[in-house]
Amino acid sequence: MTSIFQTGQPQEIVDVLKNRDERVAYQQAVLTKYPQTTLLAIKLNIPGPIKNNEAIRAIFDAGMLRFYDALVKVTTDFTTLAQWDKPTGNELFIRTDMDALTIKKLAVDFEDHDTLGRLFDVDVMSTAADHSLSRADMGLPVRKCLICDRIAKDCARSRRHSVAELQAKISTLYTQEFETSGGVID
């Protein structure tokens, strides 16, 4: 199996932190402009210095199509505000007037049960909450590790799995999703 992490522009921690600051500023601006809205900030969890390339973009695009399919089953009242395609990764921002709890349940279902959704991080926020809604806020189970099914935060904190192991797992998911089904989705 070939790794999908052979191409792309390596990112340093400073790049990732700068992008995080830009994301937070954008989210705050949206919530200020639309105080009654629920905002979704969607990105991939990609380990290592390569955060974006053709294969990673294909994962993001295919996963987003699936998420949109799930979203339209609960509401058609949403607007895609922005999509970022940066060396630090792909991100998408959606606003809706649906309540944040309903949207977070949809997001958790996507993250937990869709093969590609396992790679996504869907943050749901509103001005009614002073932070992004978490699974704990809703009494939902914590996120499981992509490799061993333990608590993901525990594995990340202890560095139980190497970047190479995580990238190999993501490469395998990519191969199963795209190469066995006839190639990369355009």
C-alpha atoms as a PDB file:
ATOM      1  CA  MET A   1       0.000   0.000   0.000  1.00  0.00           C
ATOM      2  CA  THR A   2       1.227   3.475  -0.857  1.00  0.00           C
ATOM      3  CA  SER A   3       1.104   6.264   1.686  1.00  0.00           C
ATOM      4  CA  ILE A   4      -1.018   9.259   0.693  1.00  0.00           C
ATOM      5  CA  PHE A   5       1.396  11.462   2.653  1.00  0.00           C
ATOM      6  CA  GLN A   6       4.218  11.472   0.077  1.00  0.00           C
ATOM      7  CA  THR A   7       3.200  14.813  -1.454  1.00  0.00           C
ATOM      8  CA  GLY A   8       2.156  18.146  -0.020  1.00  0.00           C
ATOM      9  CA  GLN A   9       3.727  21.124   1.667  1.00  0.00           C
ATOM     10  CA  PRO A  10       4.973  20.204   5.161  1.00  0.00           C
ATOM     11  CA  GLN A  11       3.539  22.419   7.884  1.00  0.00           C
ATOM     12  CA  GLU A  12       5.258  23.573  11.036  1.00  0.00           C
ATOM     13  CA  ILE A  13       3.447  24.030  14.340  1.00  0.00           C
ATOM     14  CA  VAL A  14       3.573  27.806  13.836  1.00  0.00           C
ATOM     15  CA  ASP A  15       1.575  27.395  10.582  1.00  0.00           C
ATOM     16  CA  VAL A  16      -1.047  25.262  12.310  1.00  0.00           C
ATOM     17  CA  LEU A  17      -1.335  27.727  15.212  1.00  0.00           C
ATOM     18  CA  LYS A  18      -1.653  30.696  12.841  1.00  0.00           C
ATOM     19  CA  ASN A  19      -4.430  28.887  10.979  1.00  0.00           C
ATOM     20  CA  ARG A  20      -6.184  28.088  14.268  1.00  0.00           C
ATOM     21  CA  ASP A  21      -6.090  31.799  15.170  1.00  0.00           C
ATOM     22  CA  GLU A  22      -7.572  32.677  11.751  1.00  0.00           C
ATOM     23  CA  ARG A  23     -10.313  30.062  12.255  1.00  0.00           C
ATOM     24  CA  VAL A  24     -11.204  31.405  15.704  1.00  0.00           C
ATOM     25  CA  ALA A  25     -11.312  34.994  14.406  1.00  0.00           C
ATOM     26  CA  TYR A  26     -13.542  33.941  11.502  1.00  0.00           C
ATOM     27  CA  GLN A  27     -15.877  32.018  13.820  1.00  0.00           C
ATOM     28  CA  GLN A  28     -16.156  34.983  16.189  1.00  0.00           C
ATOM     29  CA  ALA A  29     -16.903  37.318  13.272  1.00  0.00           C
ATOM     30  CA  VAL A  30     -19.664  35.018  11.995  1.00  0.00           C
ATOM     31  CA  LEU A  31     -21.257  34.636  15.426  1.00  0.00           C
ATOM     32  CA  THR A  32     -21.122  38.406  15.920  1.00  0.00           C
ATOM     33  CA  LYS A  33     -22.736  39.056  12.529  1.00  0.00           C
ATOM     34  CA  TYR A  34     -25.346  36.287  12.991  1.00  0.00           C
ATOM     35  CA  PRO A  35     -25.951  36.071  16.757  1.00  0.00           C
ATOM     36  CA  GLN A  36     -28.934  33.692  16.465  1.00  0.00           C
ATOM     37  CA  THR A  37     -27.140  31.194  14.246  1.00  0.00           C
ATOM     38  CA  THR A  38     -25.573  27.803  14.789  1.00  0.00           C
ATOM     39  CA  LEU A  39     -22.120  27.637  13.222  1.00  0.00           C
ATOM     40  CA  LEU A  40     -20.398  24.479  12.050  1.00  0.00           C
ATOM     41  CA  ALA A  41     -16.634  24.500  11.544  1.00  0.00           C
ATOM     42  CA  ILE A  42     -15.541  21.314   9.789  1.00  0.00           C
ATOM     43  CA  LYS A  43     -12.009  20.048   9.259  1.00  0.00           C
ATOM     44  CA  LEU A  44      -9.995  16.851   9.071  1.00  0.00           C
ATOM     45  CA  ASN A  45      -7.840  15.398  11.842  1.00  0.00           C
ATOM     46  CA  ILE A  46      -4.615  14.766   9.929  1.00  0.00           C
ATOM     47  CA  PRO A  47      -1.481  13.751  11.875  1.00  0.00           C
ATOM     48  CA  GLY A  48       1.990  14.806  10.836  1.00  0.00           C
ATOM     49  CA  PRO A  49       3.391  17.682   8.793  1.00  0.00           C
ATOM     50  CA  ILE A  50       1.454  16.994   5.553  1.00  0.00           C
ATOM     51  CA  LYS A  51      -2.053  18.363   6.078  1.00  0.00           C
ATOM     52  CA  ASN A  52      -3.248  18.766   2.488  1.00  0.00           C
ATOM     53  CA  ASN A  53      -2.692  17.282  -0.950  1.00  0.00           C
ATOM     54  CA  GLU A  54      -4.834  15.765  -3.712  1.00  0.00           C
ATOM     55  CA  ALA A  55      -5.669  12.605  -1.760  1.00  0.00           C
ATOM     56  CA  ILE A  56      -6.459  14.436   1.483  1.00  0.00           C
ATOM     57  CA  ARG A  57      -8.605  16.900  -0.466  1.00  0.00           C
ATOM     58  CA  ALA A  58     -10.474  13.936  -2.021  1.00  0.00           C
ATOM     59  CA  ILE A  59     -11.188  12.577   1.470  1.00  0.00           C
ATOM     60  CA  PHE A  60     -12.454  15.988   2.568  1.00  0.00           C
ATOM     61  CA  ASP A  61     -14.647  16.493  -0.503  1.00  0.00           C
ATOM     62  CA  ALA A  62     -16.170  12.998  -0.365  1.00  0.00           C
ATOM     63  CA  GLY A  63     -16.774  13.274   3.380  1.00  0.00           C
ATOM     64  CA  MET A  64     -18.403  16.672   2.971  1.00  0.00           C
ATOM     65  CA  LEU A  65     -20.774  15.307   0.321  1.00  0.00           C
ATOM     66  CA  ARG A  66     -21.850  12.644   2.801  1.00  0.00           C
ATOM     67  CA  PHE A  67     -22.225  15.195   5.578  1.00  0.00           C
ATOM     68  CA  TYR A  68     -24.344  17.440   3.339  1.00  0.00           C
ATOM     69  CA  ASP A  69     -26.532  14.416   2.504  1.00  0.00           C
ATOM     70  CA  ALA A  70     -27.087  13.834   6.232  1.00  0.00           C
ATOM     71  CA  LEU A  71     -27.661  17.545   6.898  1.00  0.00           C
ATOM     72  CA  VAL A  72     -30.396  17.939   4.260  1.00  0.00           C
ATOM     73  CA  LYS A  73     -32.312  15.126   5.963  1.00  0.00           C
ATOM     74  CA  VAL A  74     -32.793  17.366   9.022  1.00  0.00           C
ATOM     75  CA  THR A  75     -32.825  20.824   7.429  1.00  0.00           C
ATOM     76  CA  THR A  76     -32.476  22.611   4.121  1.00  0.00           C
ATOM     77  CA  ASP A  77     -32.072  25.878   5.977  1.00  0.00           C
ATOM     78  CA  PHE A  78     -28.298  26.236   5.944  1.00  0.00           C
ATOM     79  CA  THR A  79     -25.679  28.283   4.144  1.00  0.00           C
ATOM     80  CA  THR A  80     -22.103  27.370   3.313  1.00  0.00           C
ATOM     81  CA  LEU A  81     -20.199  30.504   4.285  1.00  0.00           C
ATOM     82  CA  ALA A  82     -16.643  29.623   3.319  1.00  0.00           C
ATOM     83  CA  GLN A  83     -14.398  26.771   2.299  1.00  0.00           C
ATOM     84  CA  TRP A  84     -10.670  26.973   2.910  1.00  0.00           C
ATOM     85  CA  ASP A  85      -8.184  24.930   0.933  1.00  0.00           C
ATOM     86  CA  LYS A  86      -4.861  25.771   2.560  1.00  0.00           C
ATOM     87  CA  PRO A  87      -1.589  23.911   3.080  1.00  0.00           C
ATOM     88  CA  THR A  88      -2.724  23.561   6.729  1.00  0.00           C
ATOM     89  CA  GLY A  89      -5.813  21.666   5.560  1.00  0.00           C
ATOM     90  CA  ASN A  90      -9.317  21.945   4.216  1.00  0.00           C
ATOM     91  CA  GLU A  91     -12.038  23.573   6.284  1.00  0.00           C
ATOM     92  CA  LEU A  92     -15.678  24.387   5.707  1.00  0.00           C
ATOM     93  CA  PHE A  93     -17.983  26.738   7.592  1.00  0.00           C
ATOM     94  CA  ILE A  94     -21.756  26.349   7.564  1.00  0.00           C
ATOM     95  CA  ARG A  95     -24.405  28.373   9.353  1.00  0.00           C
ATOM     96  CA  THR A  96     -27.949  27.308  10.110  1.00  0.00           C
ATOM     97  CA  ASP A  97     -30.857  28.415  12.237  1.00  0.00           C
ATOM     98  CA  MET A  98     -31.332  24.836  13.488  1.00  0.00           C
ATOM     99  CA  ASP A  99     -30.642  24.404  17.181  1.00  0.00           C
ATOM    100  CA  ALA A 100     -27.073  23.509  18.053  1.00  0.00           C
ATOM    101  CA  LEU A 101     -27.967  20.321  19.967  1.00  0.00           C
ATOM    102  CA  THR A 102     -29.694  18.757  16.958  1.00  0.00           C
ATOM    103  CA  ILE A 103     -26.781  19.655  14.708  1.00  0.00           C
ATOM    104  CA  LYS A 104     -24.193  18.337  17.199  1.00  0.00           C
ATOM    105  CA  LYS A 105     -26.013  14.979  17.384  1.00  0.00           C
ATOM    106  CA  LEU A 106     -25.897  14.801  13.578  1.00  0.00           C
ATOM    107  CA  ALA A 107     -22.180  15.690  13.623  1.00  0.00           C
ATOM    108  CA  VAL A 108     -21.351  13.049  16.244  1.00  0.00           C
ATOM    109  CA  ASP A 109     -23.247  10.414  14.275  1.00  0.00           C
ATOM    110  CA  PHE A 110     -21.222  11.352  11.171  1.00  0.00           C
ATOM    111  CA  GLU A 111     -17.909  11.328  13.076  1.00  0.00           C
ATOM    112  CA  ASP A 112     -18.630   7.974  14.710  1.00  0.00           C
ATOM    113  CA  HIS A 113     -20.366   5.960  12.000  1.00  0.00           C
ATOM    114  CA  ASP A 114     -19.202   7.119   8.589  1.00  0.00           C
ATOM    115  CA  THR A 115     -15.910   5.587   7.440  1.00  0.00           C
ATOM    116  CA  LEU A 116     -14.563   8.951   6.290  1.00  0.00           C
ATOM    117  CA  GLY A 117     -16.414  10.802   9.056  1.00  0.00           C
ATOM    118  CA  ARG A 118     -14.036   9.151  11.523  1.00  0.00           C
ATOM    119  CA  LEU A 119     -11.348  11.514  10.160  1.00  0.00           C
ATOM    120  CA  PHE A 120     -13.455  14.659  10.557  1.00  0.00           C
ATOM    121  CA  ASP A 121     -13.810  17.137  13.375  1.00  0.00           C
ATOM    122  CA  VAL A 122     -17.169  18.933  13.258  1.00  0.00           C
ATOM    123  CA  ASP A 123     -17.294  21.752  15.795  1.00  0.00           C
ATOM    124  CA  VAL A 124     -20.754  23.140  16.537  1.00  0.00           C
ATOM    125  CA  MET A 125     -21.118  26.489  18.253  1.00  0.00           C
ATOM    126  CA  SER A 126     -23.614  29.245  18.908  1.00  0.00           C
ATOM    127  CA  THR A 127     -23.732  32.481  20.856  1.00  0.00           C
ATOM    128  CA  ALA A 128     -26.017  30.737  23.362  1.00  0.00           C
ATOM    129  CA  ALA A 129     -23.064  28.599  24.454  1.00  0.00           C
ATOM    130  CA  ASP A 130     -19.776  30.156  25.484  1.00  0.00           C
ATOM    131  CA  HIS A 131     -17.833  27.320  23.838  1.00  0.00           C
ATOM    132  CA  SER A 132     -18.079  24.676  21.134  1.00  0.00           C
ATOM    133  CA  LEU A 133     -20.604  22.022  22.110  1.00  0.00           C
ATOM    134  CA  SER A 134     -18.862  18.895  23.267  1.00  0.00           C
ATOM    135  CA  ARG A 135     -19.984  15.302  23.480  1.00  0.00           C
ATOM    136  CA  ALA A 136     -19.765  15.579  27.270  1.00  0.00           C
ATOM    137  CA  ASP A 137     -22.169  18.567  27.213  1.00  0.00           C
ATOM    138  CA  MET A 138     -24.726  16.249  25.661  1.00  0.00           C
ATOM    139  CA  GLY A 139     -23.945  13.110  27.660  1.00  0.00           C
ATOM    140  CA  LEU A 140     -22.652  11.340  24.549  1.00  0.00           C
ATOM    141  CA  PRO A 141     -19.797   8.824  24.528  1.00  0.00           C
ATOM    142  CA  VAL A 142     -16.288  10.161  23.988  1.00  0.00           C
ATOM    143  CA  ARG A 143     -14.618   9.816  20.618  1.00  0.00           C
ATOM    144  CA  LYS A 144     -12.797   6.535  19.989  1.00  0.00           C
ATOM    145  CA  CYS A 145      -9.262   6.171  18.668  1.00  0.00           C
ATOM    146  CA  LEU A 146      -8.972   5.503  14.948  1.00  0.00           C
ATOM    147  CA  ILE A 147      -6.582   2.611  15.566  1.00  0.00           C
ATOM    148  CA  CYS A 148      -7.375   0.876  18.860  1.00  0.00           C
ATOM    149  CA  ASP A 149     -10.884   2.019  19.820  1.00  0.00           C
ATOM    150  CA  ARG A 150      -9.701   3.412  23.174  1.00  0.00           C
ATOM    151  CA  ILE A 151     -10.544   6.994  24.135  1.00  0.00           C
ATOM    152  CA  ALA A 152      -9.018   9.123  21.367  1.00  0.00           C
ATOM    153  CA  LYS A 153      -7.819  11.927  23.666  1.00  0.00           C
ATOM    154  CA  ASP A 154      -5.993   9.429  25.874  1.00  0.00           C
ATOM    155  CA  CYS A 155      -4.186   7.921  22.892  1.00  0.00           C
ATOM    156  CA  ALA A 156      -3.293  11.373  21.553  1.00  0.00           C
ATOM    157  CA  ARG A 157      -2.088  12.639  24.933  1.00  0.00           C
ATOM    158  CA  SER A 158       0.077   9.570  25.610  1.00  0.00           C
ATOM    159  CA  ARG A 159       1.219   9.342  21.965  1.00  0.00           C
ATOM    160  CA  ARG A 160       0.215   5.679  22.047  1.00  0.00           C
ATOM    161  CA  HIS A 161       0.348   5.529  18.233  1.00  0.00           C
ATOM    162  CA  SER A 162       3.071   7.036  16.076  1.00  0.00           C
ATOM    163  CA  VAL A 163       2.360   9.512  13.304  1.00  0.00           C
ATOM    164  CA  ALA A 164       3.451   6.795  10.858  1.00  0.00           C
ATOM    165  CA  GLU A 165       0.863   4.348  12.288  1.00  0.00           C
ATOM    166  CA  LEU A 166      -1.911   6.940  12.062  1.00  0.00           C
ATOM    167  CA  GLN A 167      -0.924   7.911   8.533  1.00  0.00           C
ATOM    168  CA  ALA A 168      -0.859   4.236   7.515  1.00  0.00           C
ATOM    169  CA  LYS A 169      -4.410   3.819   8.853  1.00  0.00           C
ATOM    170  CA  ILE A 170      -5.596   6.904   6.937  1.00  0.00           C
ATOM    171  CA  SER A 171      -3.835   5.675   3.779  1.00  0.00           C
ATOM    172  CA  THR A 172      -5.629   2.334   4.167  1.00  0.00           C
ATOM    173  CA  LEU A 173      -8.985   4.098   4.519  1.00  0.00           C
ATOM    174  CA  TYR A 174      -8.189   6.128   1.406  1.00  0.00           C
ATOM    175  CA  THR A 175      -7.281   2.988  -0.554  1.00  0.00           C
ATOM    176  CA  GLN A 176     -10.443   1.189   0.537  1.00  0.00           C
ATOM    177  CA  GLU A 177     -12.622   4.190  -0.227  1.00  0.00           C
ATOM    178  CA  PHE A 178     -11.215   5.359  -3.541  1.00  0.00           C
ATOM    179  CA  GLU A 179      -8.836   2.941  -5.186  1.00  0.00           C
ATOM    180  CA  THR A 180     -11.036  -0.116  -4.792  1.00  0.00           C
ATOM    181  CA  SER A 181     -14.029   1.833  -6.110  1.00  0.00           C
ATOM    182  CA  GLY A 182     -12.417   3.035  -9.308  1.00  0.00           C
ATOM    183  CA  GLY A 183     -10.226   5.972  -8.398  1.00  0.00           C
ATOM    184  CA  VAL A 184     -10.256   9.400  -6.839  1.00  0.00           C
ATOM    185  CA  ILE A 185     -13.528  11.302  -6.945  1.00  0.00           C
ATOM    186  CA  ASP A 186     -13.390  14.475  -9.016  1.00  0.00           C
END
